[in-house]
Amino acid sequence: MTTQAHRPPPLAVPPADELHSWRHPSVLAAAALSVASGFAQFGVTTTLPDVAREFGEVVSGGDGLAAQAGLSGITLGLGLAVIRLASLGTLPLSALADGYGRRRVVLAVTALGLALTASAALSPGYWWFVLVIALGRPLLSTTNALAGVVAAEETRTKDRAWAIGLVTAGYGSGAGLSALVRGAAGEALGFRELFALCLLPLIALPLLARVVEEPARFDRMQQVVGEVPLWRRVPHSGELGRRFRLLSILIFSIAFLTGPANTFLFLYSENVLGMPRSSTAIAVIAVAPLGLVGLLVGRLLADRVGRVPTSAILQALTAVAAIVTYSGTRTAVLLGYFATIGFGSAWGPATGAMTGELFPTSIRSTIAGALTAVNVLGAVTGLVVFGVLGDAFGSFGWAIWATALPALLTAPLYLRLPETRHLELEQSAPE
């Protein structure tokens, strides 16, 4: 049994010269990696109408979702579920960063993930496309998880929400760029050409590798605690276990909604409501400033009001906005989409900062991977439920209600988590 005398001393807050602002080059590089991840991963959503038409058959004036979209809701839902389910591999990949270091792992998974996703351009059929994308998805999900870890560990408390917001904005910018490129190019650019563009950030990766640093917090932790095992266990008991269980419920519920709501958006607006591709491109351009405003408001609320109440309120508002999006009219799609982006962007900095602040450095990457896995399970379940209900009712109206209610009802659970505002990582989650 370990005595008090043999326990390693608690980690002190690093000196000021080892902590940085959100504008530090390493944080900016982490955000750039998130841009690449967002572009590659959101390509599945933006090109879903093209994929459905390429590997299915759209029947003009036909009844049912399969006739309108090209493939049935169940086929699309199962394929997308397989892709999302593959992201469970994020847990062991992220856990490697607690042993090998954040920098080495994030650069490796980004390179391999972009290469695999680009190869989807050569897919001869729908399920082949699903397989290739599924191989690259856990790697790119790990990129996003570790980018958030780097941003949290590189910054002081007053800059942390800004840094997390920047990484969140990076992913959103990459996703928006994917939609913008597709809409601007029109019919000249299909899903094959869009995925081939993933080679561009892959070529630029060596430049980012020169800027990404190993956070000083990780180095200090290893010096005090010693070598960390390559795979750490997720806490299941005590205060850390309670925090993880609450966050798991909350992350699952919001992913259960946003997984299908975001993934089916372009399919719903173009193939079901008949909106032209140019309209979705214009919407993406128009919503970009709103997303930025959302991030700024979310950062302000996280630091002034607190991480906990901000997260709770904005999760509930995101659920309401998603219901409006799929309520059946083109106007509702646009208004709901704008509101979902605004509320979701504001939710990101508060929840992302709080998640990093609730767990110690030695397991922070492991927790990031575990919560990403929970996110995946929620999204996969939501995709299947959404697709099945969409087929059963011939529309997505009831499906969105079924997937939005859990996010709305669980939002008050945030209030059971400790407030971490104004605390350094060593204070909010001692080693």
Protein backbone atom coordinates (compact mmCIF):
# COMPACT_ATOMS: atom_id res chain seq x y z
CA MET A 1 0.00 0.00 0.00
CA THR A 2 1.33 3.42 -1.01
CA THR A 3 1.93 5.72 1.97
CA GLN A 4 1.64 9.46 1.98
CA ALA A 5 5.44 9.78 2.05
CA HIS A 6 5.82 7.78 -1.16
CA ARG A 7 3.19 9.64 -3.16
CA PRO A 8 4.55 12.04 -5.80
CA PRO A 9 4.16 15.71 -4.89
CA PRO A 10 1.22 17.53 -6.48
CA LEU A 11 1.98 19.47 -9.64
CA ALA A 12 2.32 23.20 -9.13
CA VAL A 13 0.97 25.74 -11.60
CA PRO A 14 3.69 26.20 -14.27
CA PRO A 15 5.55 29.52 -14.27
CA ALA A 16 4.17 32.31 -16.42
CA ASP A 17 6.79 31.89 -19.17
CA GLU A 18 5.62 28.31 -19.79
CA LEU A 19 1.97 29.30 -20.32
CA HIS A 20 0.84 31.19 -23.39
CA SER A 21 -1.98 33.24 -24.85
CA TRP A 22 -4.45 31.85 -27.35
CA ARG A 23 -2.43 33.55 -30.12
CA HIS A 24 0.68 31.44 -29.48
CA PRO A 25 1.96 29.72 -32.69
CA SER A 26 1.46 26.23 -31.25
CA VAL A 27 -2.21 26.98 -30.50
CA LEU A 28 -2.67 28.47 -33.97
CA ALA A 29 -1.09 25.36 -35.49
CA ALA A 30 -3.46 23.15 -33.47
CA ALA A 31 -6.37 25.16 -34.88
CA ALA A 32 -4.97 24.69 -38.40
CA LEU A 33 -4.90 20.92 -37.85
CA SER A 34 -8.54 21.19 -36.82
CA VAL A 35 -9.30 23.01 -40.09
CA ALA A 36 -7.87 20.08 -42.05
CA SER A 37 -9.80 17.61 -39.90
CA GLY A 38 -13.06 19.53 -40.36
CA PHE A 39 -12.63 19.78 -44.13
CA ALA A 40 -11.94 16.06 -44.52
CA GLN A 41 -14.62 14.81 -42.12
CA PHE A 42 -17.44 17.17 -43.15
CA GLY A 43 -16.89 16.22 -46.77
CA VAL A 44 -19.08 13.19 -46.07
CA THR A 45 -21.97 15.48 -45.12
CA THR A 46 -21.60 18.02 -47.93
CA THR A 47 -21.23 15.37 -50.64
CA LEU A 48 -23.93 13.02 -49.34
CA PRO A 49 -26.42 14.12 -52.04
CA ASP A 50 -23.77 13.39 -54.71
CA VAL A 51 -22.86 10.04 -53.15
CA ALA A 52 -26.54 9.03 -52.96
CA ARG A 53 -27.10 9.94 -56.60
CA GLU A 54 -23.85 8.33 -57.77
CA PHE A 55 -24.49 4.96 -56.13
CA GLY A 56 -28.31 5.02 -56.09
CA GLU A 57 -31.10 6.27 -58.34
CA VAL A 58 -33.20 9.41 -57.95
CA VAL A 59 -36.73 8.98 -59.39
CA SER A 60 -38.28 12.27 -60.48
CA GLY A 61 -41.67 12.66 -58.81
CA GLY A 62 -41.26 9.37 -56.94
CA ASP A 63 -42.69 8.68 -53.51
CA GLY A 64 -40.63 7.80 -50.47
CA LEU A 65 -37.24 8.89 -49.24
CA ALA A 66 -35.26 6.47 -51.44
CA ALA A 67 -36.86 7.82 -54.62
CA GLN A 68 -36.16 11.42 -53.62
CA ALA A 69 -32.66 10.95 -52.23
CA GLY A 70 -31.30 8.09 -54.37
CA LEU A 71 -30.70 5.68 -51.49
CA SER A 72 -33.04 4.70 -48.67
CA GLY A 73 -32.80 6.32 -45.27
CA ILE A 74 -31.84 2.98 -43.73
CA THR A 75 -29.01 2.42 -46.25
CA LEU A 76 -27.70 5.94 -45.73
CA GLY A 77 -28.16 5.76 -41.98
CA LEU A 78 -26.34 2.43 -41.68
CA GLY A 79 -23.46 3.60 -43.87
CA LEU A 80 -23.08 6.79 -41.90
CA ALA A 81 -23.36 4.83 -38.67
CA VAL A 82 -20.48 2.58 -39.73
CA ILE A 83 -18.36 5.66 -40.46
CA ARG A 84 -19.22 7.22 -37.11
CA LEU A 85 -18.76 3.93 -35.26
CA ALA A 86 -15.23 3.67 -36.64
CA SER A 87 -14.39 6.76 -34.58
CA LEU A 88 -14.40 4.55 -31.50
CA GLY A 89 -10.78 3.98 -32.47
CA THR A 90 -10.17 7.51 -31.21
CA LEU A 91 -10.02 6.21 -27.63
CA PRO A 92 -6.86 4.07 -27.93
CA LEU A 93 -5.27 6.52 -30.39
CA SER A 94 -5.80 9.51 -28.10
CA ALA A 95 -4.60 7.51 -25.10
CA LEU A 96 -1.27 7.05 -26.89
CA ALA A 97 -0.70 10.79 -26.47
CA ASP A 98 -0.60 10.35 -22.68
CA GLY A 99 2.39 8.07 -23.18
CA TYR A 100 4.17 9.19 -26.34
CA GLY A 101 3.29 12.88 -26.17
CA ARG A 102 0.72 15.12 -27.81
CA ARG A 103 2.85 16.44 -30.69
CA ARG A 104 4.08 13.13 -32.07
CA VAL A 105 0.67 11.47 -32.03
CA VAL A 106 -1.35 14.37 -33.45
CA LEU A 107 0.96 14.79 -36.44
CA ALA A 108 0.99 11.05 -37.20
CA VAL A 109 -2.78 10.57 -37.08
CA THR A 110 -3.41 13.70 -39.15
CA ALA A 111 -1.09 12.57 -41.94
CA LEU A 112 -2.53 9.07 -42.17
CA GLY A 113 -6.12 10.24 -41.79
CA LEU A 114 -5.87 12.77 -44.63
CA ALA A 115 -4.21 10.22 -46.91
CA LEU A 116 -6.93 7.62 -46.34
CA THR A 117 -9.77 10.14 -46.74
CA ALA A 118 -8.31 11.40 -50.01
CA SER A 119 -8.31 7.84 -51.35
CA ALA A 120 -12.12 7.77 -51.04
CA ALA A 121 -12.13 9.64 -54.36
CA LEU A 122 -11.40 6.30 -56.02
CA SER A 123 -14.38 4.44 -54.50
CA PRO A 124 -16.15 2.12 -57.01
CA GLY A 125 -19.32 1.70 -54.89
CA TYR A 126 -21.23 2.98 -51.86
CA TRP A 127 -20.03 0.41 -49.33
CA TRP A 128 -16.45 0.70 -50.57
CA PHE A 129 -16.76 4.45 -50.00
CA VAL A 130 -18.07 3.79 -46.49
CA LEU A 131 -15.14 1.42 -45.74
CA VAL A 132 -12.41 3.85 -46.84
CA ILE A 133 -13.92 6.80 -45.01
CA ALA A 134 -14.36 4.62 -41.91
CA LEU A 135 -10.65 3.79 -41.91
CA GLY A 136 -9.68 7.47 -41.91
CA ARG A 137 -12.36 8.71 -39.50
CA PRO A 138 -10.81 7.60 -36.15
CA LEU A 139 -7.49 9.16 -37.12
CA LEU A 140 -9.06 12.53 -37.97
CA SER A 141 -11.28 12.42 -34.88
CA THR A 142 -8.10 11.94 -32.85
CA THR A 143 -6.64 15.00 -34.57
CA ASN A 144 -9.53 17.10 -33.32
CA ALA A 145 -9.44 15.64 -29.80
CA LEU A 146 -5.70 16.23 -29.40
CA ALA A 147 -5.87 19.72 -30.92
CA GLY A 148 -8.19 20.62 -28.06
CA VAL A 149 -5.82 19.06 -25.52
CA VAL A 150 -2.87 21.05 -26.90
CA ALA A 151 -4.91 24.27 -26.82
CA ALA A 152 -5.97 23.65 -23.20
CA GLU A 153 -2.50 22.74 -21.93
CA GLU A 154 -0.59 25.49 -23.72
CA THR A 155 -2.69 28.34 -22.30
CA ARG A 156 -3.34 30.07 -18.98
CA THR A 157 -6.86 30.09 -17.57
CA LYS A 158 -7.86 33.51 -18.93
CA ASP A 159 -6.94 32.41 -22.48
CA ARG A 160 -8.20 28.82 -22.36
CA ALA A 161 -11.76 29.44 -23.55
CA TRP A 162 -10.33 31.59 -26.35
CA ALA A 163 -7.96 28.79 -27.38
CA ILE A 164 -10.67 26.13 -27.30
CA GLY A 165 -12.93 28.46 -29.25
CA LEU A 166 -10.20 28.89 -31.84
CA VAL A 167 -9.84 25.13 -32.28
CA THR A 168 -13.63 24.81 -32.50
CA ALA A 169 -13.69 27.59 -35.07
CA GLY A 170 -10.95 25.80 -36.99
CA TYR A 171 -13.03 22.65 -37.29
CA GLY A 172 -16.10 24.68 -38.23
CA SER A 173 -14.12 26.66 -40.82
CA GLY A 174 -12.86 23.46 -42.39
CA ALA A 175 -16.37 22.06 -42.51
CA GLY A 176 -17.71 25.32 -43.98
CA LEU A 177 -14.92 25.40 -46.54
CA SER A 178 -15.92 21.94 -47.68
CA ALA A 179 -19.50 23.10 -48.27
CA LEU A 180 -18.37 26.36 -49.84
CA VAL A 181 -16.02 24.71 -52.32
CA ARG A 182 -18.67 22.24 -53.37
CA GLY A 183 -21.35 24.92 -53.77
CA ALA A 184 -19.12 27.38 -55.61
CA ALA A 185 -17.88 24.77 -58.09
CA GLY A 186 -21.40 23.61 -58.90
CA GLU A 187 -21.86 20.41 -60.88
CA ALA A 188 -18.23 20.54 -62.01
CA LEU A 189 -17.07 19.24 -58.64
CA GLY A 190 -18.44 15.95 -57.36
CA PHE A 191 -17.59 13.95 -54.29
CA ARG A 192 -14.50 12.43 -55.94
CA GLU A 193 -12.90 15.79 -56.65
CA LEU A 194 -13.75 17.13 -53.19
CA PHE A 195 -12.09 14.24 -51.38
CA ALA A 196 -9.04 14.50 -53.62
CA LEU A 197 -8.59 18.04 -52.25
CA CYS A 198 -7.64 16.47 -48.90
CA LEU A 199 -4.19 16.03 -50.40
CA LEU A 200 -3.59 19.79 -50.10
CA PRO A 201 -3.50 19.97 -46.27
CA LEU A 202 -1.48 16.76 -46.30
CA ILE A 203 1.16 18.51 -48.40
CA ALA A 204 1.16 21.48 -45.98
CA LEU A 205 1.53 19.28 -42.89
CA PRO A 206 5.37 19.45 -42.71
CA LEU A 207 5.11 23.24 -42.33
CA LEU A 208 2.72 22.91 -39.37
CA ALA A 209 4.96 20.27 -37.81
CA ARG A 210 7.63 22.94 -37.33
CA VAL A 211 5.28 25.02 -35.18
CA VAL A 212 3.42 22.47 -33.03
CA GLU A 213 5.06 22.16 -29.60
CA GLU A 214 4.88 19.60 -26.83
CA PRO A 215 2.99 21.41 -24.03
CA ALA A 216 5.21 22.25 -21.06
CA ARG A 217 2.51 20.87 -18.76
CA PHE A 218 2.98 17.41 -20.26
CA ASP A 219 6.76 17.53 -19.83
CA ARG A 220 6.43 18.70 -16.20
CA MET A 221 3.90 15.96 -15.47
CA GLN A 222 6.27 13.27 -16.76
CA GLN A 223 9.14 14.67 -14.69
CA VAL A 224 7.10 14.56 -11.48
CA VAL A 225 4.84 11.54 -12.01
CA GLY A 226 7.26 9.52 -14.12
CA GLU A 227 6.58 7.57 -17.30
CA VAL A 228 2.86 7.27 -17.99
CA PRO A 229 1.61 3.88 -19.31
CA LEU A 230 0.78 3.89 -23.00
CA TRP A 231 -2.87 3.22 -22.22
CA ARG A 232 -4.52 4.64 -19.11
CA ARG A 233 -7.80 3.46 -17.65
CA VAL A 234 -10.80 5.79 -17.76
CA PRO A 235 -11.74 6.64 -14.14
CA HIS A 236 -14.82 4.75 -12.98
CA SER A 237 -14.97 5.63 -9.28
CA GLY A 238 -14.50 8.62 -7.02
CA GLU A 239 -14.94 12.25 -8.06
CA LEU A 240 -13.24 11.79 -11.43
CA GLY A 241 -15.48 8.84 -12.19
CA ARG A 242 -18.58 10.89 -11.34
CA ARG A 243 -17.43 13.73 -13.58
CA PHE A 244 -16.78 11.33 -16.45
CA ARG A 245 -20.21 9.68 -16.12
CA LEU A 246 -22.05 13.01 -16.14
CA LEU A 247 -20.10 14.29 -19.13
CA SER A 248 -20.70 10.99 -20.94
CA ILE A 249 -24.48 11.34 -20.55
CA LEU A 250 -24.38 14.94 -21.76
CA ILE A 251 -22.05 14.29 -24.69
CA PHE A 252 -24.08 11.25 -25.76
CA SER A 253 -27.34 13.21 -25.74
CA ILE A 254 -26.05 16.14 -27.78
CA ALA A 255 -24.34 13.81 -30.27
CA PHE A 256 -27.58 11.77 -30.54
CA LEU A 257 -29.06 14.99 -31.95
CA THR A 258 -26.27 16.72 -33.85
CA GLY A 259 -25.02 13.52 -35.52
CA PRO A 260 -28.10 13.08 -37.73
CA ALA A 261 -29.18 16.74 -37.73
CA ASN A 262 -25.88 17.94 -39.25
CA THR A 263 -25.25 14.90 -41.43
CA PHE A 264 -28.63 14.85 -43.18
CA LEU A 265 -28.89 18.64 -43.58
CA PHE A 266 -27.66 18.90 -47.16
CA LEU A 267 -29.53 15.78 -48.22
CA TYR A 268 -32.73 17.13 -46.66
CA SER A 269 -32.46 20.63 -48.11
CA GLU A 270 -31.40 19.63 -51.64
CA ASN A 271 -32.92 16.21 -52.32
CA VAL A 272 -36.08 16.46 -50.18
CA LEU A 273 -36.99 20.18 -50.22
CA GLY A 274 -35.51 20.74 -53.68
CA MET A 275 -33.25 23.65 -52.76
CA PRO A 276 -30.53 24.36 -55.35
CA ARG A 277 -26.91 23.68 -54.45
CA SER A 278 -26.15 27.40 -54.80
CA SER A 279 -28.58 28.15 -51.97
CA THR A 280 -26.73 25.90 -49.54
CA ALA A 281 -23.44 27.49 -50.56
CA ILE A 282 -24.85 30.99 -49.96
CA ALA A 283 -26.20 29.85 -46.58
CA VAL A 284 -22.76 28.57 -45.59
CA ILE A 285 -21.20 31.92 -46.52
CA ALA A 286 -23.91 33.88 -44.71
CA VAL A 287 -23.66 31.84 -41.53
CA ALA A 288 -19.87 32.19 -41.15
CA PRO A 289 -20.03 35.58 -39.34
CA LEU A 290 -22.76 34.20 -37.09
CA GLY A 291 -20.53 31.29 -36.12
CA LEU A 292 -17.76 33.72 -35.26
CA VAL A 293 -20.11 35.84 -33.16
CA GLY A 294 -21.28 32.66 -31.42
CA LEU A 295 -17.71 31.75 -30.50
CA LEU A 296 -17.06 35.23 -29.11
CA VAL A 297 -20.28 35.22 -27.11
CA GLY A 298 -19.58 31.71 -25.85
CA ARG A 299 -16.09 32.67 -24.73
CA LEU A 300 -17.43 35.75 -22.96
CA LEU A 301 -20.17 33.80 -21.19
CA ALA A 302 -17.77 31.01 -20.22
CA ASP A 303 -15.42 33.46 -18.50
CA ARG A 304 -18.03 35.85 -17.08
CA VAL A 305 -21.03 33.64 -16.26
CA GLY A 306 -19.26 30.30 -15.96
CA ARG A 307 -18.65 27.12 -17.94
CA VAL A 308 -21.52 25.19 -16.33
CA PRO A 309 -24.55 27.47 -16.87
CA THR A 310 -23.33 28.48 -20.35
CA SER A 311 -23.07 24.84 -21.45
CA ALA A 312 -26.50 23.95 -20.05
CA ILE A 313 -28.40 26.82 -21.65
CA LEU A 314 -26.74 26.54 -25.04
CA GLN A 315 -27.26 22.78 -25.30
CA ALA A 316 -30.99 23.29 -24.75
CA LEU A 317 -31.14 26.10 -27.32
CA THR A 318 -29.26 23.97 -29.88
CA ALA A 319 -31.90 21.24 -29.51
CA VAL A 320 -34.72 23.73 -30.13
CA ALA A 321 -32.94 25.14 -33.19
CA ALA A 322 -32.50 21.66 -34.69
CA ILE A 323 -36.24 20.99 -34.37
CA VAL A 324 -36.95 24.20 -36.28
CA THR A 325 -34.47 23.22 -39.01
CA TYR A 326 -36.39 20.06 -39.96
CA SER A 327 -39.89 21.49 -39.52
CA GLY A 328 -40.65 21.26 -43.24
CA THR A 329 -40.05 24.55 -45.09
CA ARG A 330 -37.11 26.17 -46.82
CA THR A 331 -37.38 29.21 -44.55
CA ALA A 332 -37.25 26.98 -41.48
CA VAL A 333 -34.18 25.17 -42.82
CA LEU A 334 -32.27 28.43 -43.19
CA LEU A 335 -33.40 29.98 -39.90
CA GLY A 336 -32.86 26.76 -37.99
CA TYR A 337 -29.46 26.23 -39.59
CA PHE A 338 -28.36 29.74 -38.65
CA ALA A 339 -29.57 29.31 -35.07
CA THR A 340 -27.99 25.86 -34.72
CA ILE A 341 -24.61 27.18 -35.88
CA GLY A 342 -24.85 30.21 -33.59
CA PHE A 343 -25.84 28.28 -30.46
CA GLY A 344 -23.51 25.38 -31.22
CA SER A 345 -20.57 27.73 -31.77
CA ALA A 346 -21.25 29.44 -28.44
CA TRP A 347 -21.55 26.04 -26.68
CA GLY A 348 -18.09 24.91 -27.87
CA PRO A 349 -15.71 27.17 -25.88
CA ALA A 350 -17.49 26.68 -22.55
CA THR A 351 -17.89 22.92 -22.77
CA GLY A 352 -14.48 22.34 -24.35
CA ALA A 353 -12.68 24.38 -21.70
CA MET A 354 -14.60 22.71 -18.86
CA THR A 355 -13.88 19.21 -20.21
CA GLY A 356 -10.14 19.89 -20.25
CA GLU A 357 -10.25 21.46 -16.80
CA LEU A 358 -12.06 18.62 -15.04
CA PHE A 359 -9.32 15.96 -15.44
CA PRO A 360 -5.58 15.83 -14.64
CA THR A 361 -2.83 16.06 -17.25
CA SER A 362 -1.81 12.40 -16.99
CA ILE A 363 -5.19 11.23 -18.35
CA ARG A 364 -6.40 14.31 -20.25
CA SER A 365 -5.81 12.81 -23.72
CA THR A 366 -7.35 9.50 -22.63
CA ILE A 367 -10.47 11.35 -21.43
CA ALA A 368 -10.61 13.33 -24.68
CA GLY A 369 -10.54 10.07 -26.63
CA ALA A 370 -13.11 8.41 -24.35
CA LEU A 371 -15.54 11.31 -24.68
CA THR A 372 -15.02 11.28 -28.43
CA ALA A 373 -15.99 7.59 -28.34
CA VAL A 374 -19.10 8.48 -26.34
CA ASN A 375 -19.85 11.17 -28.92
CA VAL A 376 -19.53 8.53 -31.63
CA LEU A 377 -21.93 6.13 -29.92
CA GLY A 378 -24.46 8.91 -29.51
CA ALA A 379 -24.15 9.99 -33.14
CA VAL A 380 -24.36 6.42 -34.44
CA THR A 381 -27.47 5.70 -32.41
CA GLY A 382 -28.99 8.97 -33.56
CA LEU A 383 -28.21 8.28 -37.23
CA VAL A 384 -29.87 4.87 -37.13
CA VAL A 385 -32.94 6.15 -35.23
CA PHE A 386 -33.20 9.16 -37.54
CA GLY A 387 -32.96 7.03 -40.69
CA VAL A 388 -35.45 4.41 -39.50
CA LEU A 389 -38.01 7.00 -38.39
CA GLY A 390 -37.47 8.97 -41.59
CA ASP A 391 -38.38 5.88 -43.64
CA ALA A 392 -41.25 4.91 -41.34
CA PHE A 393 -42.96 8.32 -41.48
CA GLY A 394 -41.83 9.34 -44.98
CA SER A 395 -40.23 12.52 -43.62
CA PHE A 396 -37.74 13.73 -41.02
CA GLY A 397 -40.23 15.67 -38.87
CA TRP A 398 -40.85 13.05 -36.16
CA ALA A 399 -37.26 11.84 -36.42
CA ILE A 400 -35.85 15.19 -35.32
CA TRP A 401 -38.18 15.35 -32.32
CA ALA A 402 -37.08 11.89 -31.18
CA THR A 403 -33.40 12.81 -31.39
CA ALA A 404 -33.70 16.33 -29.94
CA LEU A 405 -35.63 15.58 -26.74
CA PRO A 406 -32.76 13.77 -24.92
CA ALA A 407 -30.43 16.77 -25.44
CA LEU A 408 -33.14 19.09 -24.16
CA LEU A 409 -34.01 17.01 -21.09
CA THR A 410 -30.44 16.23 -19.97
CA ALA A 411 -29.11 19.81 -20.23
CA PRO A 412 -29.74 20.51 -16.48
CA LEU A 413 -27.21 17.78 -15.60
CA TYR A 414 -24.42 20.28 -16.30
CA LEU A 415 -25.37 21.94 -13.01
CA ARG A 416 -24.06 18.88 -11.14
CA LEU A 417 -20.50 19.49 -12.39
CA PRO A 418 -18.06 21.77 -10.53
CA GLU A 419 -17.43 25.23 -11.93
CA THR A 420 -13.85 25.55 -13.22
CA ARG A 421 -13.84 29.20 -14.28
CA HIS A 422 -10.70 31.14 -13.22
CA LEU A 423 -8.85 27.96 -12.19
CA GLU A 424 -5.62 26.64 -13.68
CA LEU A 425 -5.56 22.99 -14.71
CA GLU A 426 -3.45 22.03 -11.69
CA GLN A 427 -6.11 23.60 -9.42
CA SER A 428 -9.31 22.31 -11.03
CA ALA A 429 -7.94 18.76 -11.45
CA PRO A 430 -4.90 18.04 -9.26
CA GLU A 431 -2.68 15.19 -10.46
